[in-house]
Amino acid sequence: MQKILIIIGIVILALGLLYPYLKKIGLGQLPGDIIYKSDNSTFFFPIVTCIIISVVLTVIFNLFK
């Protein structure tokens, strides 16, 4: 269990460090992501990006299971 938590932490750290590069390829700005802009606030919910990341992680975890 500890190894899994350490690996998840390393993956989150790597994603944080690679965020500027991931933003350039379009993750977080896919069609279907919800963006609501008003005069002084913005609400952003990347639903499609979350679904894609969930599917990819599910496949990866099932391959190593």
Protein backbone atom coordinates (compact mmCIF):
# COMPACT_ATOMS: atom_id res chain seq x y z
CA MET A 1 0.00 0.00 0.00
CA GLN A 2 2.84 2.39 0.80
CA LYS A 3 4.43 1.79 -2.61
CA ILE A 4 1.19 2.70 -4.37
CA LEU A 5 0.88 5.94 -2.41
CA ILE A 6 4.49 6.84 -3.17
CA ILE A 7 3.99 6.14 -6.88
CA ILE A 8 0.79 8.22 -6.94
CA GLY A 9 2.66 11.06 -5.23
CA ILE A 10 5.48 10.89 -7.78
CA VAL A 11 2.97 10.90 -10.66
CA ILE A 12 1.19 13.95 -9.23
CA LEU A 13 4.53 15.70 -8.78
CA ALA A 14 5.53 14.89 -12.37
CA LEU A 15 2.20 16.18 -13.68
CA GLY A 16 2.69 19.38 -11.71
CA LEU A 17 6.14 19.87 -13.18
CA LEU A 18 4.97 19.05 -16.70
CA TYR A 19 1.81 21.20 -16.50
CA PRO A 20 3.06 23.97 -18.82
CA TYR A 21 3.82 21.40 -21.51
CA LEU A 22 0.54 19.55 -21.00
CA LYS A 23 -1.34 22.82 -21.37
CA LYS A 24 0.29 23.38 -24.78
CA ILE A 25 -1.08 20.09 -26.14
CA GLY A 26 -4.61 21.07 -25.14
CA LEU A 27 -5.43 19.11 -22.01
CA GLY A 28 -7.93 21.13 -20.02
CA GLN A 29 -9.34 22.88 -23.08
CA LEU A 30 -11.14 20.06 -24.84
CA PRO A 31 -14.59 20.35 -26.41
CA GLY A 32 -17.14 19.54 -23.72
CA ASP A 33 -15.26 21.21 -20.89
CA ILE A 34 -17.55 23.63 -19.07
CA ILE A 35 -16.49 27.28 -18.99
CA TYR A 36 -18.79 29.96 -17.58
CA LYS A 37 -17.54 33.54 -17.68
CA SER A 38 -19.35 36.44 -16.09
CA ASP A 39 -18.30 40.02 -15.47
CA ASN A 40 -15.93 39.41 -12.57
CA SER A 41 -15.65 35.64 -12.22
CA THR A 42 -14.95 32.51 -14.21
CA PHE A 43 -16.05 28.94 -13.50
CA PHE A 44 -14.11 26.19 -15.26
CA PHE A 45 -14.84 22.47 -14.96
CA PRO A 46 -12.87 20.18 -17.32
CA ILE A 47 -15.34 17.27 -17.41
CA VAL A 48 -14.07 15.73 -20.67
CA THR A 49 -10.45 16.03 -19.55
CA CYS A 50 -11.34 14.29 -16.27
CA ILE A 51 -13.03 11.45 -18.15
CA ILE A 52 -10.05 10.95 -20.47
CA ILE A 53 -7.57 10.96 -17.58
CA SER A 54 -9.78 8.50 -15.67
CA VAL A 55 -9.93 6.08 -18.61
CA VAL A 56 -6.16 6.27 -19.18
CA LEU A 57 -5.39 5.68 -15.49
CA THR A 58 -7.86 2.78 -15.35
CA VAL A 59 -6.16 1.09 -18.30
CA ILE A 60 -2.69 1.68 -16.82
CA PHE A 61 -3.66 0.34 -13.38
CA ASN A 62 -5.33 -2.72 -14.91
CA LEU A 63 -2.22 -3.49 -16.94
CA PHE A 64 -0.07 -3.53 -13.80
CA LYS A 65 -2.59 -5.43 -11.69
